[in-house]
N, C-alpha and C. Protein backbone atom coordinates (compact mmCIF):
# COMPACT_ATOMS: atom_id res chain seq x y z
N MET A 1 -0.95 9.02 17.08
CA MET A 1 -0.39 7.68 17.17
C MET A 1 -1.31 6.82 18.01
N ARG A 2 -1.59 5.61 17.52
CA ARG A 2 -2.54 4.74 18.22
C ARG A 2 -1.96 3.33 18.39
N PHE A 3 -2.33 2.71 19.51
CA PHE A 3 -2.00 1.31 19.79
C PHE A 3 -3.32 0.59 20.02
N GLU A 4 -3.63 -0.38 19.17
CA GLU A 4 -4.91 -1.06 19.23
C GLU A 4 -4.71 -2.57 19.17
N ASN A 5 -5.70 -3.29 19.70
CA ASN A 5 -5.72 -4.76 19.64
C ASN A 5 -4.48 -5.39 20.26
N THR A 6 -4.03 -4.85 21.39
CA THR A 6 -2.87 -5.42 22.08
C THR A 6 -3.23 -6.78 22.69
N GLN A 7 -2.41 -7.77 22.42
CA GLN A 7 -2.57 -9.10 23.00
C GLN A 7 -1.22 -9.57 23.53
N VAL A 8 -1.23 -10.19 24.71
CA VAL A 8 -0.02 -10.75 25.31
C VAL A 8 -0.30 -12.21 25.65
N TRP A 9 0.61 -13.08 25.26
CA TRP A 9 0.43 -14.50 25.57
C TRP A 9 1.80 -15.16 25.77
N GLY A 10 1.75 -16.33 26.41
CA GLY A 10 2.97 -17.12 26.58
C GLY A 10 3.51 -17.19 27.99
N PHE A 11 2.84 -16.53 28.96
CA PHE A 11 3.35 -16.57 30.33
C PHE A 11 3.42 -18.01 30.86
N GLU A 12 2.40 -18.81 30.56
CA GLU A 12 2.36 -20.17 31.12
C GLU A 12 3.55 -21.00 30.65
N HIS A 13 3.78 -21.07 29.34
CA HIS A 13 4.90 -21.90 28.88
C HIS A 13 6.25 -21.25 29.19
N ALA A 14 6.29 -19.90 29.32
CA ALA A 14 7.54 -19.24 29.71
C ALA A 14 7.93 -19.61 31.14
N VAL A 15 6.93 -19.67 32.03
CA VAL A 15 7.19 -20.08 33.42
C VAL A 15 7.65 -21.53 33.47
N ARG A 16 7.01 -22.37 32.70
CA ARG A 16 7.42 -23.77 32.67
C ARG A 16 8.86 -23.90 32.20
N GLY A 17 9.21 -23.11 31.18
CA GLY A 17 10.56 -23.16 30.65
C GLY A 17 11.59 -22.60 31.60
N MET A 18 11.26 -21.54 32.34
CA MET A 18 12.26 -20.94 33.22
C MET A 18 12.59 -21.86 34.39
N ARG A 19 11.72 -22.83 34.67
CA ARG A 19 11.98 -23.78 35.75
C ARG A 19 12.66 -25.06 35.26
N ASN A 20 12.84 -25.20 33.96
CA ASN A 20 13.49 -26.40 33.41
C ASN A 20 14.91 -26.61 33.91
N PRO A 21 15.77 -25.56 33.96
CA PRO A 21 17.17 -25.81 34.34
C PRO A 21 17.35 -26.50 35.69
N MET A 22 16.49 -26.18 36.65
CA MET A 22 16.64 -26.77 37.99
C MET A 22 15.56 -27.82 38.28
N ASN A 23 14.80 -28.19 37.26
CA ASN A 23 13.71 -29.17 37.45
C ASN A 23 12.80 -28.79 38.61
N SER A 24 12.51 -27.50 38.72
CA SER A 24 11.79 -27.01 39.90
C SER A 24 10.31 -26.74 39.62
N TRP A 25 9.72 -27.52 38.71
CA TRP A 25 8.32 -27.29 38.33
C TRP A 25 7.36 -27.40 39.52
N ALA A 26 7.72 -28.26 40.50
CA ALA A 26 6.83 -28.46 41.65
C ALA A 26 6.68 -27.20 42.49
N LYS A 27 7.62 -26.28 42.36
CA LYS A 27 7.56 -25.04 43.14
C LYS A 27 6.71 -23.96 42.46
N SER A 28 6.28 -24.25 41.26
CA SER A 28 5.49 -23.26 40.52
C SER A 28 4.14 -23.04 41.20
N ASP A 29 3.76 -21.78 41.37
CA ASP A 29 2.50 -21.48 42.07
C ASP A 29 1.62 -20.49 41.30
N SER A 30 1.88 -20.33 40.01
CA SER A 30 1.04 -19.45 39.20
C SER A 30 -0.22 -20.19 38.76
N LYS A 31 -1.24 -19.44 38.39
CA LYS A 31 -2.51 -20.07 38.01
C LYS A 31 -3.33 -19.10 37.16
N TYR A 32 -4.41 -19.62 36.62
CA TYR A 32 -5.35 -18.79 35.87
C TYR A 32 -6.49 -18.37 36.78
N GLU A 33 -6.82 -17.10 36.71
CA GLU A 33 -7.97 -16.56 37.44
C GLU A 33 -8.82 -15.77 36.46
N ASN A 34 -10.07 -16.21 36.28
CA ASN A 34 -10.99 -15.56 35.34
C ASN A 34 -10.37 -15.46 33.94
N GLY A 35 -9.67 -16.54 33.55
CA GLY A 35 -9.08 -16.60 32.22
C GLY A 35 -7.78 -15.85 32.06
N GLU A 36 -7.26 -15.26 33.13
CA GLU A 36 -6.04 -14.47 33.07
C GLU A 36 -4.93 -15.15 33.87
N PHE A 37 -3.72 -15.23 33.30
CA PHE A 37 -2.60 -15.87 33.97
C PHE A 37 -2.08 -14.95 35.07
N VAL A 38 -2.02 -15.48 36.30
CA VAL A 38 -1.57 -14.69 37.45
C VAL A 38 -0.34 -15.35 38.06
N PHE A 39 0.75 -14.60 38.18
CA PHE A 39 1.98 -15.13 38.78
C PHE A 39 1.81 -15.33 40.28
N GLY A 40 2.26 -16.49 40.77
CA GLY A 40 2.35 -16.72 42.19
C GLY A 40 3.63 -16.13 42.75
N GLU A 41 3.75 -16.07 44.05
CA GLU A 41 4.92 -15.45 44.68
C GLU A 41 6.21 -16.15 44.30
N ASN A 42 6.20 -17.49 44.30
CA ASN A 42 7.42 -18.25 43.97
C ASN A 42 7.89 -17.96 42.55
N ASP A 43 6.96 -18.03 41.61
CA ASP A 43 7.33 -17.81 40.21
C ASP A 43 7.76 -16.38 39.96
N LEU A 44 7.09 -15.43 40.61
CA LEU A 44 7.43 -14.02 40.42
C LEU A 44 8.82 -13.73 40.98
N ASP A 45 9.13 -14.33 42.13
CA ASP A 45 10.45 -14.13 42.74
C ASP A 45 11.55 -14.69 41.84
N LEU A 46 11.34 -15.90 41.29
CA LEU A 46 12.33 -16.49 40.40
C LEU A 46 12.48 -15.66 39.13
N ALA A 47 11.36 -15.21 38.58
CA ALA A 47 11.40 -14.41 37.36
C ALA A 47 12.22 -13.13 37.57
N LYS A 48 11.99 -12.46 38.69
CA LYS A 48 12.72 -11.22 38.97
C LYS A 48 14.22 -11.48 39.11
N ARG A 49 14.57 -12.59 39.77
CA ARG A 49 15.99 -12.90 39.95
C ARG A 49 16.66 -13.22 38.61
N LEU A 50 15.96 -13.93 37.75
CA LEU A 50 16.51 -14.25 36.44
C LEU A 50 16.67 -13.00 35.59
N ILE A 51 15.70 -12.11 35.66
CA ILE A 51 15.79 -10.86 34.91
C ILE A 51 16.97 -10.03 35.38
N ALA A 52 17.15 -9.97 36.68
CA ALA A 52 18.27 -9.21 37.24
C ALA A 52 19.61 -9.80 36.84
N GLY A 53 19.62 -11.11 36.52
CA GLY A 53 20.85 -11.78 36.14
C GLY A 53 21.34 -11.44 34.74
N GLY A 54 20.51 -10.78 33.96
CA GLY A 54 20.93 -10.36 32.62
C GLY A 54 20.31 -11.20 31.52
N THR A 55 20.65 -10.85 30.28
CA THR A 55 20.01 -11.46 29.12
C THR A 55 20.22 -12.97 29.05
N GLU A 56 21.37 -13.46 29.51
CA GLU A 56 21.63 -14.90 29.41
C GLU A 56 20.78 -15.71 30.38
N HIS A 57 20.23 -15.06 31.41
CA HIS A 57 19.41 -15.77 32.39
C HIS A 57 17.91 -15.54 32.19
N ARG A 58 17.53 -14.46 31.53
CA ARG A 58 16.11 -14.14 31.40
C ARG A 58 15.55 -14.59 30.04
N LYS A 59 16.05 -15.69 29.54
CA LYS A 59 15.62 -16.17 28.23
C LYS A 59 14.11 -16.41 28.17
N PHE A 60 13.50 -16.67 29.32
CA PHE A 60 12.06 -16.95 29.31
C PHE A 60 11.25 -15.77 28.79
N LEU A 61 11.79 -14.55 28.90
CA LEU A 61 11.06 -13.37 28.42
C LEU A 61 10.91 -13.37 26.90
N ARG A 62 11.79 -14.09 26.21
CA ARG A 62 11.68 -14.16 24.75
C ARG A 62 10.49 -15.00 24.33
N GLN A 63 9.91 -15.74 25.29
CA GLN A 63 8.76 -16.59 24.99
C GLN A 63 7.44 -15.94 25.39
N VAL A 64 7.50 -14.74 25.94
CA VAL A 64 6.29 -13.97 26.23
C VAL A 64 6.07 -13.02 25.06
N MET A 65 5.01 -13.23 24.31
CA MET A 65 4.81 -12.56 23.04
C MET A 65 3.77 -11.42 23.15
N ILE A 66 3.97 -10.42 22.30
CA ILE A 66 3.06 -9.28 22.23
C ILE A 66 2.66 -9.08 20.77
N SER A 67 1.38 -8.85 20.54
CA SER A 67 0.90 -8.45 19.22
C SER A 67 0.10 -7.16 19.39
N VAL A 68 0.29 -6.22 18.46
CA VAL A 68 -0.39 -4.93 18.57
C VAL A 68 -0.49 -4.28 17.19
N ASP A 69 -1.57 -3.56 16.95
CA ASP A 69 -1.71 -2.74 15.75
C ASP A 69 -1.27 -1.32 16.09
N ILE A 70 -0.22 -0.84 15.46
CA ILE A 70 0.30 0.51 15.72
C ILE A 70 0.06 1.37 14.49
N THR A 71 -0.57 2.52 14.71
CA THR A 71 -0.73 3.52 13.66
C THR A 71 0.19 4.68 14.01
N ALA A 72 1.20 4.90 13.17
CA ALA A 72 2.24 5.88 13.49
C ALA A 72 2.74 6.53 12.20
N PRO A 73 3.37 7.71 12.32
CA PRO A 73 3.90 8.38 11.13
C PRO A 73 5.12 7.66 10.57
N LEU A 74 5.38 7.90 9.29
CA LEU A 74 6.50 7.23 8.64
C LEU A 74 7.83 7.55 9.31
N TYR A 75 7.98 8.78 9.85
CA TYR A 75 9.25 9.11 10.50
C TYR A 75 9.48 8.28 11.74
N TRP A 76 8.40 7.83 12.40
CA TRP A 76 8.54 6.94 13.56
C TRP A 76 8.87 5.52 13.11
N TRP A 77 8.19 5.08 12.05
CA TRP A 77 8.44 3.72 11.57
C TRP A 77 9.88 3.55 11.10
N LYS A 78 10.50 4.58 10.57
CA LYS A 78 11.90 4.48 10.14
C LYS A 78 12.80 4.11 11.32
N GLU A 79 12.51 4.66 12.48
CA GLU A 79 13.31 4.34 13.67
C GLU A 79 12.94 2.98 14.23
N PHE A 80 11.66 2.64 14.18
CA PHE A 80 11.24 1.31 14.65
C PHE A 80 11.92 0.22 13.83
N ASP A 81 12.14 0.48 12.55
CA ASP A 81 12.70 -0.55 11.67
C ASP A 81 14.13 -0.93 12.02
N THR A 82 14.76 -0.22 12.95
CA THR A 82 16.09 -0.65 13.40
C THR A 82 15.99 -1.92 14.24
N TYR A 83 14.79 -2.23 14.75
CA TYR A 83 14.60 -3.43 15.57
C TYR A 83 14.17 -4.59 14.67
N LYS A 84 15.15 -5.32 14.19
CA LYS A 84 14.89 -6.40 13.24
C LYS A 84 14.84 -7.77 13.89
N VAL A 85 15.60 -7.95 14.98
CA VAL A 85 15.71 -9.27 15.59
C VAL A 85 14.55 -9.49 16.57
N GLY A 86 13.77 -10.52 16.33
CA GLY A 86 12.68 -10.86 17.24
C GLY A 86 11.40 -10.08 17.01
N THR A 87 11.36 -9.23 15.99
CA THR A 87 10.15 -8.47 15.71
C THR A 87 9.67 -8.77 14.29
N THR A 88 8.36 -8.72 14.08
CA THR A 88 7.77 -8.90 12.76
C THR A 88 6.68 -7.85 12.59
N ALA A 89 6.53 -7.30 11.38
CA ALA A 89 5.50 -6.31 11.13
C ALA A 89 4.93 -6.45 9.72
N ASN A 90 3.61 -6.40 9.62
CA ASN A 90 2.93 -6.35 8.33
C ASN A 90 2.17 -5.04 8.25
N SER A 91 2.39 -4.28 7.16
CA SER A 91 1.83 -2.93 7.10
C SER A 91 0.69 -2.83 6.09
N THR A 92 -0.13 -1.80 6.30
CA THR A 92 -1.07 -1.40 5.26
C THR A 92 -0.26 -0.86 4.08
N SER A 93 -0.81 -0.93 2.88
CA SER A 93 -0.03 -0.65 1.69
C SER A 93 -0.27 0.76 1.16
N THR A 94 0.73 1.61 1.31
CA THR A 94 0.69 2.93 0.67
C THR A 94 0.72 2.76 -0.85
N MET A 95 1.49 1.79 -1.31
CA MET A 95 1.63 1.54 -2.74
C MET A 95 0.29 1.28 -3.41
N HIS A 96 -0.54 0.45 -2.78
CA HIS A 96 -1.79 0.03 -3.41
C HIS A 96 -2.99 0.90 -3.03
N LYS A 97 -2.97 1.52 -1.85
CA LYS A 97 -4.18 2.14 -1.33
C LYS A 97 -4.13 3.67 -1.20
N LEU A 98 -2.98 4.27 -1.47
CA LEU A 98 -2.84 5.71 -1.25
C LEU A 98 -3.88 6.53 -2.01
N ALA A 99 -4.19 6.12 -3.24
CA ALA A 99 -5.06 6.93 -4.10
C ALA A 99 -6.55 6.59 -3.94
N THR A 100 -6.89 5.69 -3.02
CA THR A 100 -8.29 5.23 -2.96
C THR A 100 -9.18 6.07 -2.06
N THR A 101 -8.61 6.86 -1.14
CA THR A 101 -9.42 7.67 -0.23
C THR A 101 -8.89 9.09 -0.19
N PRO A 102 -9.75 10.07 0.11
CA PRO A 102 -9.31 11.47 0.14
C PRO A 102 -8.18 11.70 1.14
N ILE A 103 -7.27 12.59 0.78
CA ILE A 103 -6.16 12.96 1.65
C ILE A 103 -6.59 14.18 2.47
N THR A 104 -6.68 13.99 3.78
CA THR A 104 -7.10 15.05 4.69
C THR A 104 -6.11 15.16 5.84
N LEU A 105 -6.31 16.12 6.71
CA LEU A 105 -5.43 16.31 7.86
C LEU A 105 -5.38 15.07 8.74
N ASP A 106 -6.47 14.31 8.81
CA ASP A 106 -6.52 13.12 9.64
C ASP A 106 -5.59 12.01 9.16
N CYS A 107 -5.07 12.13 7.96
CA CYS A 107 -4.15 11.13 7.42
C CYS A 107 -2.73 11.29 7.96
N PHE A 108 -2.51 12.34 8.76
CA PHE A 108 -1.16 12.68 9.21
C PHE A 108 -1.08 12.71 10.74
N GLU A 109 0.13 12.58 11.24
CA GLU A 109 0.39 12.67 12.67
C GLU A 109 0.23 14.13 13.12
N ILE A 110 -0.74 14.39 13.99
CA ILE A 110 -1.00 15.78 14.42
C ILE A 110 -1.13 15.88 15.94
N ASP A 111 -0.60 14.92 16.68
CA ASP A 111 -0.75 14.94 18.14
C ASP A 111 -0.22 16.23 18.75
N ASP A 112 0.93 16.70 18.29
CA ASP A 112 1.50 17.94 18.83
C ASP A 112 1.68 18.97 17.71
N TYR A 113 0.77 18.95 16.78
CA TYR A 113 0.80 19.83 15.61
C TYR A 113 0.59 21.29 16.02
N CYS A 114 1.46 22.18 15.54
CA CYS A 114 1.39 23.61 15.89
C CYS A 114 0.47 24.34 14.91
N GLY A 115 -0.80 23.97 14.89
CA GLY A 115 -1.75 24.56 13.97
C GLY A 115 -2.06 26.01 14.26
N ASP A 116 -1.68 26.47 15.46
CA ASP A 116 -1.95 27.87 15.81
C ASP A 116 -0.88 28.81 15.25
N VAL A 117 0.19 28.26 14.69
CA VAL A 117 1.22 29.08 14.04
C VAL A 117 0.82 29.25 12.58
N GLU A 118 0.57 30.48 12.19
CA GLU A 118 -0.01 30.77 10.88
C GLU A 118 0.80 30.18 9.73
N GLU A 119 2.13 30.34 9.78
CA GLU A 119 2.97 29.84 8.70
C GLU A 119 2.88 28.32 8.59
N VAL A 120 2.83 27.65 9.74
CA VAL A 120 2.73 26.19 9.74
C VAL A 120 1.37 25.77 9.20
N SER A 121 0.33 26.40 9.70
CA SER A 121 -1.03 26.07 9.28
C SER A 121 -1.22 26.24 7.78
N GLN A 122 -0.68 27.33 7.23
CA GLN A 122 -0.83 27.59 5.80
C GLN A 122 -0.06 26.57 4.98
N PHE A 123 1.15 26.23 5.45
CA PHE A 123 1.97 25.24 4.75
C PHE A 123 1.24 23.90 4.68
N VAL A 124 0.69 23.48 5.81
CA VAL A 124 0.00 22.18 5.87
C VAL A 124 -1.24 22.20 4.98
N THR A 125 -2.01 23.28 5.04
CA THR A 125 -3.20 23.39 4.20
C THR A 125 -2.85 23.29 2.72
N ASP A 126 -1.81 24.00 2.31
CA ASP A 126 -1.40 23.97 0.90
C ASP A 126 -0.88 22.59 0.50
N MET A 127 -0.11 21.97 1.38
CA MET A 127 0.46 20.66 1.08
C MET A 127 -0.64 19.63 0.86
N ILE A 128 -1.61 19.60 1.77
CA ILE A 128 -2.70 18.64 1.66
C ILE A 128 -3.51 18.88 0.39
N ALA A 129 -3.75 20.14 0.08
CA ALA A 129 -4.50 20.47 -1.13
C ALA A 129 -3.77 19.98 -2.38
N LYS A 130 -2.45 20.17 -2.44
CA LYS A 130 -1.68 19.73 -3.60
C LYS A 130 -1.67 18.21 -3.71
N LEU A 131 -1.50 17.53 -2.58
CA LEU A 131 -1.51 16.06 -2.61
C LEU A 131 -2.87 15.54 -3.06
N GLU A 132 -3.93 16.14 -2.55
CA GLU A 132 -5.28 15.71 -2.94
C GLU A 132 -5.52 15.97 -4.43
N ASP A 133 -5.01 17.10 -4.95
CA ASP A 133 -5.13 17.38 -6.38
C ASP A 133 -4.45 16.29 -7.21
N LEU A 134 -3.26 15.89 -6.78
CA LEU A 134 -2.55 14.82 -7.48
C LEU A 134 -3.33 13.51 -7.42
N ARG A 135 -3.88 13.21 -6.26
CA ARG A 135 -4.65 11.97 -6.11
C ARG A 135 -5.86 11.95 -7.04
N VAL A 136 -6.59 13.06 -7.08
CA VAL A 136 -7.77 13.16 -7.94
C VAL A 136 -7.35 13.07 -9.41
N LYS A 137 -6.28 13.76 -9.76
CA LYS A 137 -5.81 13.74 -11.15
C LYS A 137 -5.41 12.33 -11.58
N PHE A 138 -4.74 11.61 -10.69
CA PHE A 138 -4.36 10.24 -11.02
C PHE A 138 -5.59 9.36 -11.24
N ASN A 139 -6.59 9.49 -10.37
CA ASN A 139 -7.80 8.68 -10.51
C ASN A 139 -8.55 9.01 -11.80
N GLU A 140 -8.42 10.23 -12.26
CA GLU A 140 -9.08 10.63 -13.50
C GLU A 140 -8.33 10.11 -14.73
N THR A 141 -7.02 10.14 -14.65
CA THR A 141 -6.21 9.84 -15.84
C THR A 141 -5.54 8.46 -15.81
N LYS A 142 -5.34 7.93 -14.61
CA LYS A 142 -4.57 6.69 -14.42
C LYS A 142 -3.14 6.83 -14.95
N ASP A 143 -2.65 8.04 -14.97
CA ASP A 143 -1.29 8.32 -15.42
C ASP A 143 -0.31 7.95 -14.29
N LYS A 144 0.50 6.95 -14.50
CA LYS A 144 1.40 6.47 -13.45
C LYS A 144 2.47 7.49 -13.08
N ARG A 145 2.71 8.45 -13.97
CA ARG A 145 3.67 9.51 -13.63
C ARG A 145 3.12 10.37 -12.50
N ILE A 146 1.84 10.63 -12.52
CA ILE A 146 1.22 11.42 -11.45
C ILE A 146 1.22 10.64 -10.15
N TRP A 147 0.91 9.35 -10.23
CA TRP A 147 0.95 8.49 -9.03
C TRP A 147 2.35 8.49 -8.42
N LYS A 148 3.37 8.43 -9.28
CA LYS A 148 4.75 8.44 -8.79
C LYS A 148 5.05 9.74 -8.04
N GLU A 149 4.55 10.87 -8.55
CA GLU A 149 4.79 12.14 -7.87
C GLU A 149 4.05 12.20 -6.53
N LEU A 150 2.88 11.60 -6.48
CA LEU A 150 2.13 11.53 -5.23
C LEU A 150 2.91 10.75 -4.17
N ILE A 151 3.47 9.64 -4.57
CA ILE A 151 4.31 8.85 -3.67
C ILE A 151 5.58 9.62 -3.29
N ARG A 152 6.17 10.26 -4.27
CA ARG A 152 7.45 10.97 -4.06
C ARG A 152 7.33 12.08 -3.02
N TRP A 153 6.25 12.84 -3.05
CA TRP A 153 6.13 14.02 -2.21
C TRP A 153 5.29 13.80 -0.96
N LEU A 154 4.94 12.56 -0.70
CA LEU A 154 4.19 12.27 0.52
C LEU A 154 5.08 12.55 1.73
N PRO A 155 4.64 13.38 2.67
CA PRO A 155 5.50 13.73 3.81
C PRO A 155 5.62 12.59 4.83
N GLU A 156 6.66 12.70 5.65
CA GLU A 156 6.93 11.64 6.62
C GLU A 156 5.92 11.60 7.76
N SER A 157 5.07 12.59 7.86
CA SER A 157 4.02 12.57 8.89
C SER A 157 2.84 11.70 8.51
N TRP A 158 2.87 11.13 7.30
CA TRP A 158 1.80 10.24 6.84
C TRP A 158 1.67 9.05 7.79
N LEU A 159 0.44 8.75 8.20
CA LEU A 159 0.19 7.65 9.14
C LEU A 159 0.09 6.31 8.41
N GLN A 160 0.75 5.33 8.97
CA GLN A 160 0.68 3.97 8.45
C GLN A 160 0.40 3.01 9.60
N THR A 161 -0.44 2.03 9.35
CA THR A 161 -0.77 1.03 10.37
C THR A 161 -0.01 -0.26 10.08
N ARG A 162 0.60 -0.80 11.11
CA ARG A 162 1.27 -2.10 10.99
C ARG A 162 0.85 -2.99 12.16
N THR A 163 0.65 -4.26 11.87
CA THR A 163 0.45 -5.26 12.92
C THR A 163 1.83 -5.80 13.30
N VAL A 164 2.20 -5.57 14.55
CA VAL A 164 3.56 -5.86 15.02
C VAL A 164 3.54 -7.00 16.03
N THR A 165 4.50 -7.90 15.90
CA THR A 165 4.70 -8.96 16.89
C THR A 165 6.12 -8.83 17.45
N LEU A 166 6.23 -8.84 18.76
CA LEU A 166 7.52 -8.77 19.42
C LEU A 166 7.42 -9.53 20.74
N ASN A 167 8.49 -9.55 21.52
CA ASN A 167 8.45 -10.25 22.81
C ASN A 167 8.92 -9.33 23.93
N TYR A 168 8.85 -9.83 25.16
CA TYR A 168 9.19 -8.98 26.31
C TYR A 168 10.67 -8.61 26.34
N GLU A 169 11.53 -9.45 25.79
CA GLU A 169 12.95 -9.07 25.72
C GLU A 169 13.12 -7.88 24.79
N ASN A 170 12.45 -7.90 23.64
CA ASN A 170 12.46 -6.72 22.76
C ASN A 170 11.96 -5.50 23.50
N ALA A 171 10.88 -5.67 24.26
CA ALA A 171 10.26 -4.55 24.98
C ALA A 171 11.23 -3.94 25.98
N ILE A 172 12.01 -4.76 26.68
CA ILE A 172 13.00 -4.24 27.63
C ILE A 172 14.00 -3.35 26.90
N ASN A 173 14.55 -3.85 25.80
CA ASN A 173 15.56 -3.09 25.06
C ASN A 173 14.99 -1.79 24.52
N MET A 174 13.78 -1.84 23.98
CA MET A 174 13.17 -0.65 23.41
C MET A 174 12.84 0.37 24.50
N PHE A 175 12.38 -0.11 25.65
CA PHE A 175 12.09 0.79 26.76
C PHE A 175 13.35 1.53 27.20
N LYS A 176 14.44 0.80 27.36
CA LYS A 176 15.69 1.41 27.80
C LYS A 176 16.21 2.44 26.79
N GLN A 177 16.12 2.08 25.51
CA GLN A 177 16.72 2.92 24.48
C GLN A 177 15.88 4.12 24.09
N ARG A 178 14.56 4.06 24.34
CA ARG A 178 13.67 5.08 23.81
C ARG A 178 12.94 5.91 24.87
N LYS A 179 13.09 5.60 26.14
CA LYS A 179 12.30 6.27 27.16
C LYS A 179 12.59 7.76 27.28
N ASN A 180 13.80 8.19 26.87
CA ASN A 180 14.14 9.62 26.93
C ASN A 180 14.32 10.23 25.54
N HIS A 181 13.73 9.59 24.54
CA HIS A 181 13.88 10.06 23.17
C HIS A 181 13.21 11.42 22.97
N LYS A 182 13.76 12.25 22.09
CA LYS A 182 13.20 13.58 21.89
C LYS A 182 11.89 13.56 21.11
N LEU A 183 11.59 12.47 20.41
CA LEU A 183 10.28 12.35 19.77
C LEU A 183 9.25 11.90 20.80
N SER A 184 8.18 12.66 20.94
CA SER A 184 7.15 12.30 21.92
C SER A 184 6.47 10.98 21.57
N GLU A 185 6.50 10.61 20.29
CA GLU A 185 5.92 9.33 19.88
C GLU A 185 6.63 8.16 20.57
N TRP A 186 7.92 8.33 20.87
CA TRP A 186 8.66 7.32 21.62
C TRP A 186 8.52 7.55 23.13
N SER A 187 8.96 8.73 23.58
CA SER A 187 9.11 8.97 25.02
C SER A 187 7.77 9.05 25.76
N GLN A 188 6.69 9.30 25.06
CA GLN A 188 5.37 9.35 25.70
C GLN A 188 4.47 8.22 25.20
N SER A 189 4.10 8.26 23.93
CA SER A 189 3.10 7.31 23.42
C SER A 189 3.56 5.87 23.55
N PHE A 190 4.74 5.56 23.02
CA PHE A 190 5.22 4.17 23.05
C PHE A 190 5.51 3.72 24.47
N ILE A 191 6.14 4.56 25.26
CA ILE A 191 6.49 4.20 26.64
C ILE A 191 5.23 4.01 27.47
N ASP A 192 4.22 4.84 27.28
CA ASP A 192 2.95 4.66 28.01
C ASP A 192 2.31 3.33 27.65
N TRP A 193 2.40 2.95 26.38
CA TRP A 193 1.84 1.65 25.97
C TRP A 193 2.61 0.50 26.63
N ILE A 194 3.94 0.59 26.64
CA ILE A 194 4.76 -0.44 27.30
C ILE A 194 4.36 -0.59 28.76
N LYS A 195 4.20 0.55 29.45
CA LYS A 195 3.89 0.52 30.88
C LYS A 195 2.55 -0.15 31.19
N ALA A 196 1.65 -0.18 30.21
CA ALA A 196 0.33 -0.76 30.42
C ALA A 196 0.29 -2.27 30.17
N LEU A 197 1.40 -2.86 29.71
CA LEU A 197 1.43 -4.30 29.45
C LEU A 197 1.39 -5.08 30.77
N PRO A 198 0.86 -6.31 30.75
CA PRO A 198 0.83 -7.12 31.97
C PRO A 198 2.24 -7.34 32.54
N TYR A 199 2.39 -7.13 33.82
CA TYR A 199 3.65 -7.31 34.55
C TYR A 199 4.79 -6.45 33.97
N ALA A 200 4.44 -5.34 33.35
CA ALA A 200 5.47 -4.45 32.80
C ALA A 200 6.36 -3.89 33.90
N GLU A 201 5.77 -3.54 35.01
CA GLU A 201 6.54 -2.96 36.13
C GLU A 201 7.62 -3.93 36.59
N GLU A 202 7.26 -5.20 36.73
CA GLU A 202 8.19 -6.19 37.26
C GLU A 202 9.20 -6.69 36.21
N PHE A 203 8.73 -6.88 34.96
CA PHE A 203 9.55 -7.57 33.98
C PHE A 203 10.24 -6.65 32.97
N ILE A 204 9.73 -5.44 32.77
CA ILE A 204 10.28 -4.57 31.72
C ILE A 204 10.90 -3.31 32.31
N ILE A 205 10.14 -2.59 33.11
CA ILE A 205 10.56 -1.26 33.56
C ILE A 205 11.68 -1.33 34.57
N ASN A 206 11.58 -2.26 35.51
CA ASN A 206 12.59 -2.36 36.57
C ASN A 206 13.65 -3.41 36.29
């Protein structure tokens, strides 16, 4: 599982917006340093208090945006797809591109793969060989029935890349709900990525 091209933006206008209710813009003390937005003590204190006040007070977090390219297995994406509000994702196309490149072990999620277990290793070897045979046969014949079988029997460990956009409010909810998940893709990989976001400690984790 990979997280690439992470970008975070919107802190400046989120700070401006969080001070609108009390017209307290003059107290804002955040600034840019070397092109990076840095929270001042006043703004950070207000942000923490609003976050502690709950979702109705921390609306400014919905204006802090995250974009990232995530490469993950289909079984992980099925669970990610429960997050529909405030998230957007565009994926690479299994439909159009599955048959264009060889099917190898690298096409699947293998972070904690038990390749040292003989039965597992043999099963995976046979599965990949059969899928590759179908792919080659389809490219030779262009028989859509074969392509359909290739799609049908593709395992859920198949890796797919999606460009995802979400916000810090989404990140809070996902962190809370997934930090102790039994899938390591959530409890380790995703949570480690969340922890590395700017001001994650102050705005998301705590």
